[in-house]
PDBML (XML) file of the C-alpha atoms, coordinates in Angstrom:
<?xml version="1.0" encoding="UTF-8" ?>
<PDBx:datablock datablockName="MODEL"
   xmlns:PDBx="http://pdbml.pdb.org/schema/pdbx-v50.xsd"
   xmlns:xsi="http://www.w3.org/2001/XMLSchema-instance"
   xsi:schemaLocation="http://pdbml.pdb.org/schema/pdbx-v50.xsd pdbx-v50.xsd">
   <PDBx:atom_siteCategory>
      <PDBx:atom_site id="1">
         <PDBx:B_iso_or_equiv>0.00</PDBx:B_iso_or_equiv>
         <PDBx:Cartn_x>69.553</PDBx:Cartn_x>
         <PDBx:Cartn_y>20.706</PDBx:Cartn_y>
         <PDBx:Cartn_z>57.941</PDBx:Cartn_z>
         <PDBx:auth_asym_id>A</PDBx:auth_asym_id>
         <PDBx:auth_atom_id>CA</PDBx:auth_atom_id>
         <PDBx:auth_comp_id>TRP</PDBx:auth_comp_id>
         <PDBx:auth_seq_id>1</PDBx:auth_seq_id>
         <PDBx:group_PDB>ATOM</PDBx:group_PDB>
         <PDBx:label_alt_id xsi:nil="true" />
         <PDBx:label_asym_id>A</PDBx:label_asym_id>
         <PDBx:label_atom_id>CA</PDBx:label_atom_id>
         <PDBx:label_comp_id>TRP</PDBx:label_comp_id>
         <PDBx:label_entity_id>1</PDBx:label_entity_id>
         <PDBx:label_seq_id>1</PDBx:label_seq_id>
         <PDBx:occupancy>1.00</PDBx:occupancy>
         <PDBx:pdbx_PDB_model_num>1</PDBx:pdbx_PDB_model_num>
         <PDBx:type_symbol>C</PDBx:type_symbol>
      </PDBx:atom_site>
      <PDBx:atom_site id="2">
         <PDBx:B_iso_or_equiv>0.00</PDBx:B_iso_or_equiv>
         <PDBx:Cartn_x>66.452</PDBx:Cartn_x>
         <PDBx:Cartn_y>22.824</PDBx:Cartn_y>
         <PDBx:Cartn_z>57.276</PDBx:Cartn_z>
         <PDBx:auth_asym_id>A</PDBx:auth_asym_id>
         <PDBx:auth_atom_id>CA</PDBx:auth_atom_id>
         <PDBx:auth_comp_id>PHE</PDBx:auth_comp_id>
         <PDBx:auth_seq_id>2</PDBx:auth_seq_id>
         <PDBx:group_PDB>ATOM</PDBx:group_PDB>
         <PDBx:label_alt_id xsi:nil="true" />
         <PDBx:label_asym_id>A</PDBx:label_asym_id>
         <PDBx:label_atom_id>CA</PDBx:label_atom_id>
         <PDBx:label_comp_id>PHE</PDBx:label_comp_id>
         <PDBx:label_entity_id>1</PDBx:label_entity_id>
         <PDBx:label_seq_id>2</PDBx:label_seq_id>
         <PDBx:occupancy>1.00</PDBx:occupancy>
         <PDBx:pdbx_PDB_model_num>1</PDBx:pdbx_PDB_model_num>
         <PDBx:type_symbol>C</PDBx:type_symbol>
      </PDBx:atom_site>
      <PDBx:atom_site id="3">
         <PDBx:B_iso_or_equiv>0.00</PDBx:B_iso_or_equiv>
         <PDBx:Cartn_x>67.537</PDBx:Cartn_x>
         <PDBx:Cartn_y>25.594</PDBx:Cartn_y>
         <PDBx:Cartn_z>59.172</PDBx:Cartn_z>
         <PDBx:auth_asym_id>A</PDBx:auth_asym_id>
         <PDBx:auth_atom_id>CA</PDBx:auth_atom_id>
         <PDBx:auth_comp_id>LEU</PDBx:auth_comp_id>
         <PDBx:auth_seq_id>3</PDBx:auth_seq_id>
         <PDBx:group_PDB>ATOM</PDBx:group_PDB>
         <PDBx:label_alt_id xsi:nil="true" />
         <PDBx:label_asym_id>A</PDBx:label_asym_id>
         <PDBx:label_atom_id>CA</PDBx:label_atom_id>
         <PDBx:label_comp_id>LEU</PDBx:label_comp_id>
         <PDBx:label_entity_id>1</PDBx:label_entity_id>
         <PDBx:label_seq_id>3</PDBx:label_seq_id>
         <PDBx:occupancy>1.00</PDBx:occupancy>
         <PDBx:pdbx_PDB_model_num>1</PDBx:pdbx_PDB_model_num>
         <PDBx:type_symbol>C</PDBx:type_symbol>
      </PDBx:atom_site>
      <PDBx:atom_site id="4">
         <PDBx:B_iso_or_equiv>0.00</PDBx:B_iso_or_equiv>
         <PDBx:Cartn_x>66.314</PDBx:Cartn_x>
         <PDBx:Cartn_y>28.962</PDBx:Cartn_y>
         <PDBx:Cartn_z>57.852</PDBx:Cartn_z>
         <PDBx:auth_asym_id>A</PDBx:auth_asym_id>
         <PDBx:auth_atom_id>CA</PDBx:auth_atom_id>
         <PDBx:auth_comp_id>ARG</PDBx:auth_comp_id>
         <PDBx:auth_seq_id>4</PDBx:auth_seq_id>
         <PDBx:group_PDB>ATOM</PDBx:group_PDB>
         <PDBx:label_alt_id xsi:nil="true" />
         <PDBx:label_asym_id>A</PDBx:label_asym_id>
         <PDBx:label_atom_id>CA</PDBx:label_atom_id>
         <PDBx:label_comp_id>ARG</PDBx:label_comp_id>
         <PDBx:label_entity_id>1</PDBx:label_entity_id>
         <PDBx:label_seq_id>4</PDBx:label_seq_id>
         <PDBx:occupancy>1.00</PDBx:occupancy>
         <PDBx:pdbx_PDB_model_num>1</PDBx:pdbx_PDB_model_num>
         <PDBx:type_symbol>C</PDBx:type_symbol>
      </PDBx:atom_site>
      <PDBx:atom_site id="5">
         <PDBx:B_iso_or_equiv>0.00</PDBx:B_iso_or_equiv>
         <PDBx:Cartn_x>67.144</PDBx:Cartn_x>
         <PDBx:Cartn_y>32.587</PDBx:Cartn_y>
         <PDBx:Cartn_z>58.335</PDBx:Cartn_z>
         <PDBx:auth_asym_id>A</PDBx:auth_asym_id>
         <PDBx:auth_atom_id>CA</PDBx:auth_atom_id>
         <PDBx:auth_comp_id>ASP</PDBx:auth_comp_id>
         <PDBx:auth_seq_id>5</PDBx:auth_seq_id>
         <PDBx:group_PDB>ATOM</PDBx:group_PDB>
         <PDBx:label_alt_id xsi:nil="true" />
         <PDBx:label_asym_id>A</PDBx:label_asym_id>
         <PDBx:label_atom_id>CA</PDBx:label_atom_id>
         <PDBx:label_comp_id>ASP</PDBx:label_comp_id>
         <PDBx:label_entity_id>1</PDBx:label_entity_id>
         <PDBx:label_seq_id>5</PDBx:label_seq_id>
         <PDBx:occupancy>1.00</PDBx:occupancy>
         <PDBx:pdbx_PDB_model_num>1</PDBx:pdbx_PDB_model_num>
         <PDBx:type_symbol>C</PDBx:type_symbol>
      </PDBx:atom_site>
      <PDBx:atom_site id="6">
         <PDBx:B_iso_or_equiv>0.00</PDBx:B_iso_or_equiv>
         <PDBx:Cartn_x>64.442</PDBx:Cartn_x>
         <PDBx:Cartn_y>34.452</PDBx:Cartn_y>
         <PDBx:Cartn_z>56.384</PDBx:Cartn_z>
         <PDBx:auth_asym_id>A</PDBx:auth_asym_id>
         <PDBx:auth_atom_id>CA</PDBx:auth_atom_id>
         <PDBx:auth_comp_id>LEU</PDBx:auth_comp_id>
         <PDBx:auth_seq_id>6</PDBx:auth_seq_id>
         <PDBx:group_PDB>ATOM</PDBx:group_PDB>
         <PDBx:label_alt_id xsi:nil="true" />
         <PDBx:label_asym_id>A</PDBx:label_asym_id>
         <PDBx:label_atom_id>CA</PDBx:label_atom_id>
         <PDBx:label_comp_id>LEU</PDBx:label_comp_id>
         <PDBx:label_entity_id>1</PDBx:label_entity_id>
         <PDBx:label_seq_id>6</PDBx:label_seq_id>
         <PDBx:occupancy>1.00</PDBx:occupancy>
         <PDBx:pdbx_PDB_model_num>1</PDBx:pdbx_PDB_model_num>
         <PDBx:type_symbol>C</PDBx:type_symbol>
      </PDBx:atom_site>
      <PDBx:atom_site id="7">
         <PDBx:B_iso_or_equiv>0.00</PDBx:B_iso_or_equiv>
         <PDBx:Cartn_x>66.702</PDBx:Cartn_x>
         <PDBx:Cartn_y>37.229</PDBx:Cartn_y>
         <PDBx:Cartn_z>55.301</PDBx:Cartn_z>
         <PDBx:auth_asym_id>A</PDBx:auth_asym_id>
         <PDBx:auth_atom_id>CA</PDBx:auth_atom_id>
         <PDBx:auth_comp_id>ARG</PDBx:auth_comp_id>
         <PDBx:auth_seq_id>7</PDBx:auth_seq_id>
         <PDBx:group_PDB>ATOM</PDBx:group_PDB>
         <PDBx:label_alt_id xsi:nil="true" />
         <PDBx:label_asym_id>A</PDBx:label_asym_id>
         <PDBx:label_atom_id>CA</PDBx:label_atom_id>
         <PDBx:label_comp_id>ARG</PDBx:label_comp_id>
         <PDBx:label_entity_id>1</PDBx:label_entity_id>
         <PDBx:label_seq_id>7</PDBx:label_seq_id>
         <PDBx:occupancy>1.00</PDBx:occupancy>
         <PDBx:pdbx_PDB_model_num>1</PDBx:pdbx_PDB_model_num>
         <PDBx:type_symbol>C</PDBx:type_symbol>
      </PDBx:atom_site>
      <PDBx:atom_site id="8">
         <PDBx:B_iso_or_equiv>0.00</PDBx:B_iso_or_equiv>
         <PDBx:Cartn_x>69.141</PDBx:Cartn_x>
         <PDBx:Cartn_y>34.642</PDBx:Cartn_y>
         <PDBx:Cartn_z>53.677</PDBx:Cartn_z>
         <PDBx:auth_asym_id>A</PDBx:auth_asym_id>
         <PDBx:auth_atom_id>CA</PDBx:auth_atom_id>
         <PDBx:auth_comp_id>THR</PDBx:auth_comp_id>
         <PDBx:auth_seq_id>8</PDBx:auth_seq_id>
         <PDBx:group_PDB>ATOM</PDBx:group_PDB>
         <PDBx:label_alt_id xsi:nil="true" />
         <PDBx:label_asym_id>A</PDBx:label_asym_id>
         <PDBx:label_atom_id>CA</PDBx:label_atom_id>
         <PDBx:label_comp_id>THR</PDBx:label_comp_id>
         <PDBx:label_entity_id>1</PDBx:label_entity_id>
         <PDBx:label_seq_id>8</PDBx:label_seq_id>
         <PDBx:occupancy>1.00</PDBx:occupancy>
         <PDBx:pdbx_PDB_model_num>1</PDBx:pdbx_PDB_model_num>
         <PDBx:type_symbol>C</PDBx:type_symbol>
      </PDBx:atom_site>
      <PDBx:atom_site id="9">
         <PDBx:B_iso_or_equiv>0.00</PDBx:B_iso_or_equiv>
         <PDBx:Cartn_x>69.025</PDBx:Cartn_x>
         <PDBx:Cartn_y>33.935</PDBx:Cartn_y>
         <PDBx:Cartn_z>49.658</PDBx:Cartn_z>
         <PDBx:auth_asym_id>A</PDBx:auth_asym_id>
         <PDBx:auth_atom_id>CA</PDBx:auth_atom_id>
         <PDBx:auth_comp_id>PRO</PDBx:auth_comp_id>
         <PDBx:auth_seq_id>9</PDBx:auth_seq_id>
         <PDBx:group_PDB>ATOM</PDBx:group_PDB>
         <PDBx:label_alt_id xsi:nil="true" />
         <PDBx:label_asym_id>A</PDBx:label_asym_id>
         <PDBx:label_atom_id>CA</PDBx:label_atom_id>
         <PDBx:label_comp_id>PRO</PDBx:label_comp_id>
         <PDBx:label_entity_id>1</PDBx:label_entity_id>
         <PDBx:label_seq_id>9</PDBx:label_seq_id>
         <PDBx:occupancy>1.00</PDBx:occupancy>
         <PDBx:pdbx_PDB_model_num>1</PDBx:pdbx_PDB_model_num>
         <PDBx:type_symbol>C</PDBx:type_symbol>
      </PDBx:atom_site>
      <PDBx:atom_site id="10">
         <PDBx:B_iso_or_equiv>0.00</PDBx:B_iso_or_equiv>
         <PDBx:Cartn_x>66.924</PDBx:Cartn_x>
         <PDBx:Cartn_y>30.967</PDBx:Cartn_y>
         <PDBx:Cartn_z>49.193</PDBx:Cartn_z>
         <PDBx:auth_asym_id>A</PDBx:auth_asym_id>
         <PDBx:auth_atom_id>CA</PDBx:auth_atom_id>
         <PDBx:auth_comp_id>PHE</PDBx:auth_comp_id>
         <PDBx:auth_seq_id>10</PDBx:auth_seq_id>
         <PDBx:group_PDB>ATOM</PDBx:group_PDB>
         <PDBx:label_alt_id xsi:nil="true" />
         <PDBx:label_asym_id>A</PDBx:label_asym_id>
         <PDBx:label_atom_id>CA</PDBx:label_atom_id>
         <PDBx:label_comp_id>PHE</PDBx:label_comp_id>
         <PDBx:label_entity_id>1</PDBx:label_entity_id>
         <PDBx:label_seq_id>10</PDBx:label_seq_id>
         <PDBx:occupancy>1.00</PDBx:occupancy>
         <PDBx:pdbx_PDB_model_num>1</PDBx:pdbx_PDB_model_num>
         <PDBx:type_symbol>C</PDBx:type_symbol>
      </PDBx:atom_site>
      <PDBx:atom_site id="11">
         <PDBx:B_iso_or_equiv>0.00</PDBx:B_iso_or_equiv>
         <PDBx:Cartn_x>66.844</PDBx:Cartn_x>
         <PDBx:Cartn_y>28.912</PDBx:Cartn_y>
         <PDBx:Cartn_z>45.674</PDBx:Cartn_z>
         <PDBx:auth_asym_id>A</PDBx:auth_asym_id>
         <PDBx:auth_atom_id>CA</PDBx:auth_atom_id>
         <PDBx:auth_comp_id>GLY</PDBx:auth_comp_id>
         <PDBx:auth_seq_id>11</PDBx:auth_seq_id>
         <PDBx:group_PDB>ATOM</PDBx:group_PDB>
         <PDBx:label_alt_id xsi:nil="true" />
         <PDBx:label_asym_id>A</PDBx:label_asym_id>
         <PDBx:label_atom_id>CA</PDBx:label_atom_id>
         <PDBx:label_comp_id>GLY</PDBx:label_comp_id>
         <PDBx:label_entity_id>1</PDBx:label_entity_id>
         <PDBx:label_seq_id>11</PDBx:label_seq_id>
         <PDBx:occupancy>1.00</PDBx:occupancy>
         <PDBx:pdbx_PDB_model_num>1</PDBx:pdbx_PDB_model_num>
         <PDBx:type_symbol>C</PDBx:type_symbol>
      </PDBx:atom_site>
      <PDBx:atom_site id="12">
         <PDBx:B_iso_or_equiv>0.00</PDBx:B_iso_or_equiv>
         <PDBx:Cartn_x>68.722</PDBx:Cartn_x>
         <PDBx:Cartn_y>26.490</PDBx:Cartn_y>
         <PDBx:Cartn_z>43.406</PDBx:Cartn_z>
         <PDBx:auth_asym_id>A</PDBx:auth_asym_id>
         <PDBx:auth_atom_id>CA</PDBx:auth_atom_id>
         <PDBx:auth_comp_id>GLY</PDBx:auth_comp_id>
         <PDBx:auth_seq_id>12</PDBx:auth_seq_id>
         <PDBx:group_PDB>ATOM</PDBx:group_PDB>
         <PDBx:label_alt_id xsi:nil="true" />
         <PDBx:label_asym_id>A</PDBx:label_asym_id>
         <PDBx:label_atom_id>CA</PDBx:label_atom_id>
         <PDBx:label_comp_id>GLY</PDBx:label_comp_id>
         <PDBx:label_entity_id>1</PDBx:label_entity_id>
         <PDBx:label_seq_id>12</PDBx:label_seq_id>
         <PDBx:occupancy>1.00</PDBx:occupancy>
         <PDBx:pdbx_PDB_model_num>1</PDBx:pdbx_PDB_model_num>
         <PDBx:type_symbol>C</PDBx:type_symbol>
      </PDBx:atom_site>
      <PDBx:atom_site id="13">
         <PDBx:B_iso_or_equiv>0.00</PDBx:B_iso_or_equiv>
         <PDBx:Cartn_x>71.442</PDBx:Cartn_x>
         <PDBx:Cartn_y>26.332</PDBx:Cartn_y>
         <PDBx:Cartn_z>40.611</PDBx:Cartn_z>
         <PDBx:auth_asym_id>A</PDBx:auth_asym_id>
         <PDBx:auth_atom_id>CA</PDBx:auth_atom_id>
         <PDBx:auth_comp_id>MET</PDBx:auth_comp_id>
         <PDBx:auth_seq_id>13</PDBx:auth_seq_id>
         <PDBx:group_PDB>ATOM</PDBx:group_PDB>
         <PDBx:label_alt_id xsi:nil="true" />
         <PDBx:label_asym_id>A</PDBx:label_asym_id>
         <PDBx:label_atom_id>CA</PDBx:label_atom_id>
         <PDBx:label_comp_id>MET</PDBx:label_comp_id>
         <PDBx:label_entity_id>1</PDBx:label_entity_id>
         <PDBx:label_seq_id>13</PDBx:label_seq_id>
         <PDBx:occupancy>1.00</PDBx:occupancy>
         <PDBx:pdbx_PDB_model_num>1</PDBx:pdbx_PDB_model_num>
         <PDBx:type_symbol>C</PDBx:type_symbol>
      </PDBx:atom_site>
      <PDBx:atom_site id="14">
         <PDBx:B_iso_or_equiv>0.00</PDBx:B_iso_or_equiv>
         <PDBx:Cartn_x>71.320</PDBx:Cartn_x>
         <PDBx:Cartn_y>24.345</PDBx:Cartn_y>
         <PDBx:Cartn_z>37.283</PDBx:Cartn_z>
         <PDBx:auth_asym_id>A</PDBx:auth_asym_id>
         <PDBx:auth_atom_id>CA</PDBx:auth_atom_id>
         <PDBx:auth_comp_id>LYS</PDBx:auth_comp_id>
         <PDBx:auth_seq_id>14</PDBx:auth_seq_id>
         <PDBx:group_PDB>ATOM</PDBx:group_PDB>
         <PDBx:label_alt_id xsi:nil="true" />
         <PDBx:label_asym_id>A</PDBx:label_asym_id>
         <PDBx:label_atom_id>CA</PDBx:label_atom_id>
         <PDBx:label_comp_id>LYS</PDBx:label_comp_id>
         <PDBx:label_entity_id>1</PDBx:label_entity_id>
         <PDBx:label_seq_id>14</PDBx:label_seq_id>
         <PDBx:occupancy>1.00</PDBx:occupancy>
         <PDBx:pdbx_PDB_model_num>1</PDBx:pdbx_PDB_model_num>
         <PDBx:type_symbol>C</PDBx:type_symbol>
      </PDBx:atom_site>
      <PDBx:atom_site id="15">
         <PDBx:B_iso_or_equiv>0.00</PDBx:B_iso_or_equiv>
         <PDBx:Cartn_x>67.599</PDBx:Cartn_x>
         <PDBx:Cartn_y>22.909</PDBx:Cartn_y>
         <PDBx:Cartn_z>36.880</PDBx:Cartn_z>
         <PDBx:auth_asym_id>A</PDBx:auth_asym_id>
         <PDBx:auth_atom_id>CA</PDBx:auth_atom_id>
         <PDBx:auth_comp_id>GLN</PDBx:auth_comp_id>
         <PDBx:auth_seq_id>15</PDBx:auth_seq_id>
         <PDBx:group_PDB>ATOM</PDBx:group_PDB>
         <PDBx:label_alt_id xsi:nil="true" />
         <PDBx:label_asym_id>A</PDBx:label_asym_id>
         <PDBx:label_atom_id>CA</PDBx:label_atom_id>
         <PDBx:label_comp_id>GLN</PDBx:label_comp_id>
         <PDBx:label_entity_id>1</PDBx:label_entity_id>
         <PDBx:label_seq_id>15</PDBx:label_seq_id>
         <PDBx:occupancy>1.00</PDBx:occupancy>
         <PDBx:pdbx_PDB_model_num>1</PDBx:pdbx_PDB_model_num>
         <PDBx:type_symbol>C</PDBx:type_symbol>
      </PDBx:atom_site>
      <PDBx:atom_site id="16">
         <PDBx:B_iso_or_equiv>0.00</PDBx:B_iso_or_equiv>
         <PDBx:Cartn_x>66.690</PDBx:Cartn_x>
         <PDBx:Cartn_y>23.214</PDBx:Cartn_y>
         <PDBx:Cartn_z>40.545</PDBx:Cartn_z>
         <PDBx:auth_asym_id>A</PDBx:auth_asym_id>
         <PDBx:auth_atom_id>CA</PDBx:auth_atom_id>
         <PDBx:auth_comp_id>SER</PDBx:auth_comp_id>
         <PDBx:auth_seq_id>16</PDBx:auth_seq_id>
         <PDBx:group_PDB>ATOM</PDBx:group_PDB>
         <PDBx:label_alt_id xsi:nil="true" />
         <PDBx:label_asym_id>A</PDBx:label_asym_id>
         <PDBx:label_atom_id>CA</PDBx:label_atom_id>
         <PDBx:label_comp_id>SER</PDBx:label_comp_id>
         <PDBx:label_entity_id>1</PDBx:label_entity_id>
         <PDBx:label_seq_id>16</PDBx:label_seq_id>
         <PDBx:occupancy>1.00</PDBx:occupancy>
         <PDBx:pdbx_PDB_model_num>1</PDBx:pdbx_PDB_model_num>
         <PDBx:type_symbol>C</PDBx:type_symbol>
      </PDBx:atom_site>
      <PDBx:atom_site id="17">
         <PDBx:B_iso_or_equiv>0.00</PDBx:B_iso_or_equiv>
         <PDBx:Cartn_x>65.301</PDBx:Cartn_x>
         <PDBx:Cartn_y>27.183</PDBx:Cartn_y>
         <PDBx:Cartn_z>39.918</PDBx:Cartn_z>
         <PDBx:auth_asym_id>A</PDBx:auth_asym_id>
         <PDBx:auth_atom_id>CA</PDBx:auth_atom_id>
         <PDBx:auth_comp_id>GLY</PDBx:auth_comp_id>
         <PDBx:auth_seq_id>17</PDBx:auth_seq_id>
         <PDBx:group_PDB>ATOM</PDBx:group_PDB>
         <PDBx:label_alt_id xsi:nil="true" />
         <PDBx:label_asym_id>A</PDBx:label_asym_id>
         <PDBx:label_atom_id>CA</PDBx:label_atom_id>
         <PDBx:label_comp_id>GLY</PDBx:label_comp_id>
         <PDBx:label_entity_id>1</PDBx:label_entity_id>
         <PDBx:label_seq_id>17</PDBx:label_seq_id>
         <PDBx:occupancy>1.00</PDBx:occupancy>
         <PDBx:pdbx_PDB_model_num>1</PDBx:pdbx_PDB_model_num>
         <PDBx:type_symbol>C</PDBx:type_symbol>
      </PDBx:atom_site>
      <PDBx:atom_site id="18">
         <PDBx:B_iso_or_equiv>0.00</PDBx:B_iso_or_equiv>
         <PDBx:Cartn_x>66.179</PDBx:Cartn_x>
         <PDBx:Cartn_y>30.826</PDBx:Cartn_y>
         <PDBx:Cartn_z>38.669</PDBx:Cartn_z>
         <PDBx:auth_asym_id>A</PDBx:auth_asym_id>
         <PDBx:auth_atom_id>CA</PDBx:auth_atom_id>
         <PDBx:auth_comp_id>ILE</PDBx:auth_comp_id>
         <PDBx:auth_seq_id>18</PDBx:auth_seq_id>
         <PDBx:group_PDB>ATOM</PDBx:group_PDB>
         <PDBx:label_alt_id xsi:nil="true" />
         <PDBx:label_asym_id>A</PDBx:label_asym_id>
         <PDBx:label_atom_id>CA</PDBx:label_atom_id>
         <PDBx:label_comp_id>ILE</PDBx:label_comp_id>
         <PDBx:label_entity_id>1</PDBx:label_entity_id>
         <PDBx:label_seq_id>18</PDBx:label_seq_id>
         <PDBx:occupancy>1.00</PDBx:occupancy>
         <PDBx:pdbx_PDB_model_num>1</PDBx:pdbx_PDB_model_num>
         <PDBx:type_symbol>C</PDBx:type_symbol>
      </PDBx:atom_site>
      <PDBx:atom_site id="19">
         <PDBx:B_iso_or_equiv>0.00</PDBx:B_iso_or_equiv>
         <PDBx:Cartn_x>66.886</PDBx:Cartn_x>
         <PDBx:Cartn_y>33.485</PDBx:Cartn_y>
         <PDBx:Cartn_z>41.199</PDBx:Cartn_z>
         <PDBx:auth_asym_id>A</PDBx:auth_asym_id>
         <PDBx:auth_atom_id>CA</PDBx:auth_atom_id>
         <PDBx:auth_comp_id>GLY</PDBx:auth_comp_id>
         <PDBx:auth_seq_id>19</PDBx:auth_seq_id>
         <PDBx:group_PDB>ATOM</PDBx:group_PDB>
         <PDBx:label_alt_id xsi:nil="true" />
         <PDBx:label_asym_id>A</PDBx:label_asym_id>
         <PDBx:label_atom_id>CA</PDBx:label_atom_id>
         <PDBx:label_comp_id>GLY</PDBx:label_comp_id>
         <PDBx:label_entity_id>1</PDBx:label_entity_id>
         <PDBx:label_seq_id>19</PDBx:label_seq_id>
         <PDBx:occupancy>1.00</PDBx:occupancy>
         <PDBx:pdbx_PDB_model_num>1</PDBx:pdbx_PDB_model_num>
         <PDBx:type_symbol>C</PDBx:type_symbol>
      </PDBx:atom_site>
      <PDBx:atom_site id="20">
         <PDBx:B_iso_or_equiv>0.00</PDBx:B_iso_or_equiv>
         <PDBx:Cartn_x>66.787</PDBx:Cartn_x>
         <PDBx:Cartn_y>34.024</PDBx:Cartn_y>
         <PDBx:Cartn_z>44.902</PDBx:Cartn_z>
         <PDBx:auth_asym_id>A</PDBx:auth_asym_id>
         <PDBx:auth_atom_id>CA</PDBx:auth_atom_id>
         <PDBx:auth_comp_id>ARG</PDBx:auth_comp_id>
         <PDBx:auth_seq_id>20</PDBx:auth_seq_id>
         <PDBx:group_PDB>ATOM</PDBx:group_PDB>
         <PDBx:label_alt_id xsi:nil="true" />
         <PDBx:label_asym_id>A</PDBx:label_asym_id>
         <PDBx:label_atom_id>CA</PDBx:label_atom_id>
         <PDBx:label_comp_id>ARG</PDBx:label_comp_id>
         <PDBx:label_entity_id>1</PDBx:label_entity_id>
         <PDBx:label_seq_id>20</PDBx:label_seq_id>
         <PDBx:occupancy>1.00</PDBx:occupancy>
         <PDBx:pdbx_PDB_model_num>1</PDBx:pdbx_PDB_model_num>
         <PDBx:type_symbol>C</PDBx:type_symbol>
      </PDBx:atom_site>
      <PDBx:atom_site id="21">
         <PDBx:B_iso_or_equiv>0.00</PDBx:B_iso_or_equiv>
         <PDBx:Cartn_x>64.020</PDBx:Cartn_x>
         <PDBx:Cartn_y>34.801</PDBx:Cartn_y>
         <PDBx:Cartn_z>47.388</PDBx:Cartn_z>
         <PDBx:auth_asym_id>A</PDBx:auth_asym_id>
         <PDBx:auth_atom_id>CA</PDBx:auth_atom_id>
         <PDBx:auth_comp_id>GLU</PDBx:auth_comp_id>
         <PDBx:auth_seq_id>21</PDBx:auth_seq_id>
         <PDBx:group_PDB>ATOM</PDBx:group_PDB>
         <PDBx:label_alt_id xsi:nil="true" />
         <PDBx:label_asym_id>A</PDBx:label_asym_id>
         <PDBx:label_atom_id>CA</PDBx:label_atom_id>
         <PDBx:label_comp_id>GLU</PDBx:label_comp_id>
         <PDBx:label_entity_id>1</PDBx:label_entity_id>
         <PDBx:label_seq_id>21</PDBx:label_seq_id>
         <PDBx:occupancy>1.00</PDBx:occupancy>
         <PDBx:pdbx_PDB_model_num>1</PDBx:pdbx_PDB_model_num>
         <PDBx:type_symbol>C</PDBx:type_symbol>
      </PDBx:atom_site>
      <PDBx:atom_site id="22">
         <PDBx:B_iso_or_equiv>0.00</PDBx:B_iso_or_equiv>
         <PDBx:Cartn_x>64.376</PDBx:Cartn_x>
         <PDBx:Cartn_y>35.688</PDBx:Cartn_y>
         <PDBx:Cartn_z>51.042</PDBx:Cartn_z>
         <PDBx:auth_asym_id>A</PDBx:auth_asym_id>
         <PDBx:auth_atom_id>CA</PDBx:auth_atom_id>
         <PDBx:auth_comp_id>GLY</PDBx:auth_comp_id>
         <PDBx:auth_seq_id>22</PDBx:auth_seq_id>
         <PDBx:group_PDB>ATOM</PDBx:group_PDB>
         <PDBx:label_alt_id xsi:nil="true" />
         <PDBx:label_asym_id>A</PDBx:label_asym_id>
         <PDBx:label_atom_id>CA</PDBx:label_atom_id>
         <PDBx:label_comp_id>GLY</PDBx:label_comp_id>
         <PDBx:label_entity_id>1</PDBx:label_entity_id>
         <PDBx:label_seq_id>22</PDBx:label_seq_id>
         <PDBx:occupancy>1.00</PDBx:occupancy>
         <PDBx:pdbx_PDB_model_num>1</PDBx:pdbx_PDB_model_num>
         <PDBx:type_symbol>C</PDBx:type_symbol>
      </PDBx:atom_site>
      <PDBx:atom_site id="23">
         <PDBx:B_iso_or_equiv>0.00</PDBx:B_iso_or_equiv>
         <PDBx:Cartn_x>65.027</PDBx:Cartn_x>
         <PDBx:Cartn_y>39.188</PDBx:Cartn_y>
         <PDBx:Cartn_z>52.567</PDBx:Cartn_z>
         <PDBx:auth_asym_id>A</PDBx:auth_asym_id>
         <PDBx:auth_atom_id>CA</PDBx:auth_atom_id>
         <PDBx:auth_comp_id>GLY</PDBx:auth_comp_id>
         <PDBx:auth_seq_id>23</PDBx:auth_seq_id>
         <PDBx:group_PDB>ATOM</PDBx:group_PDB>
         <PDBx:label_alt_id xsi:nil="true" />
         <PDBx:label_asym_id>A</PDBx:label_asym_id>
         <PDBx:label_atom_id>CA</PDBx:label_atom_id>
         <PDBx:label_comp_id>GLY</PDBx:label_comp_id>
         <PDBx:label_entity_id>1</PDBx:label_entity_id>
         <PDBx:label_seq_id>23</PDBx:label_seq_id>
         <PDBx:occupancy>1.00</PDBx:occupancy>
         <PDBx:pdbx_PDB_model_num>1</PDBx:pdbx_PDB_model_num>
         <PDBx:type_symbol>C</PDBx:type_symbol>
      </PDBx:atom_site>
      <PDBx:atom_site id="24">
         <PDBx:B_iso_or_equiv>0.00</PDBx:B_iso_or_equiv>
         <PDBx:Cartn_x>65.946</PDBx:Cartn_x>
         <PDBx:Cartn_y>41.725</PDBx:Cartn_y>
         <PDBx:Cartn_z>50.355</PDBx:Cartn_z>
         <PDBx:auth_asym_id>A</PDBx:auth_asym_id>
         <PDBx:auth_atom_id>CA</PDBx:auth_atom_id>
         <PDBx:auth_comp_id>MET</PDBx:auth_comp_id>
         <PDBx:auth_seq_id>24</PDBx:auth_seq_id>
         <PDBx:group_PDB>ATOM</PDBx:group_PDB>
         <PDBx:label_alt_id xsi:nil="true" />
         <PDBx:label_asym_id>A</PDBx:label_asym_id>
         <PDBx:label_atom_id>CA</PDBx:label_atom_id>
         <PDBx:label_comp_id>MET</PDBx:label_comp_id>
         <PDBx:label_entity_id>1</PDBx:label_entity_id>
         <PDBx:label_seq_id>24</PDBx:label_seq_id>
         <PDBx:occupancy>1.00</PDBx:occupancy>
         <PDBx:pdbx_PDB_model_num>1</PDBx:pdbx_PDB_model_num>
         <PDBx:type_symbol>C</PDBx:type_symbol>
      </PDBx:atom_site>
   </PDBx:atom_siteCategory>
</PDBx:datablock>
């Protein structure tokens, strides 16, 4: 849990978000 590679996509589906952040 909470293991993050900052190159990977970060964001949510449904009402948890729009779009992705991280790396490219």
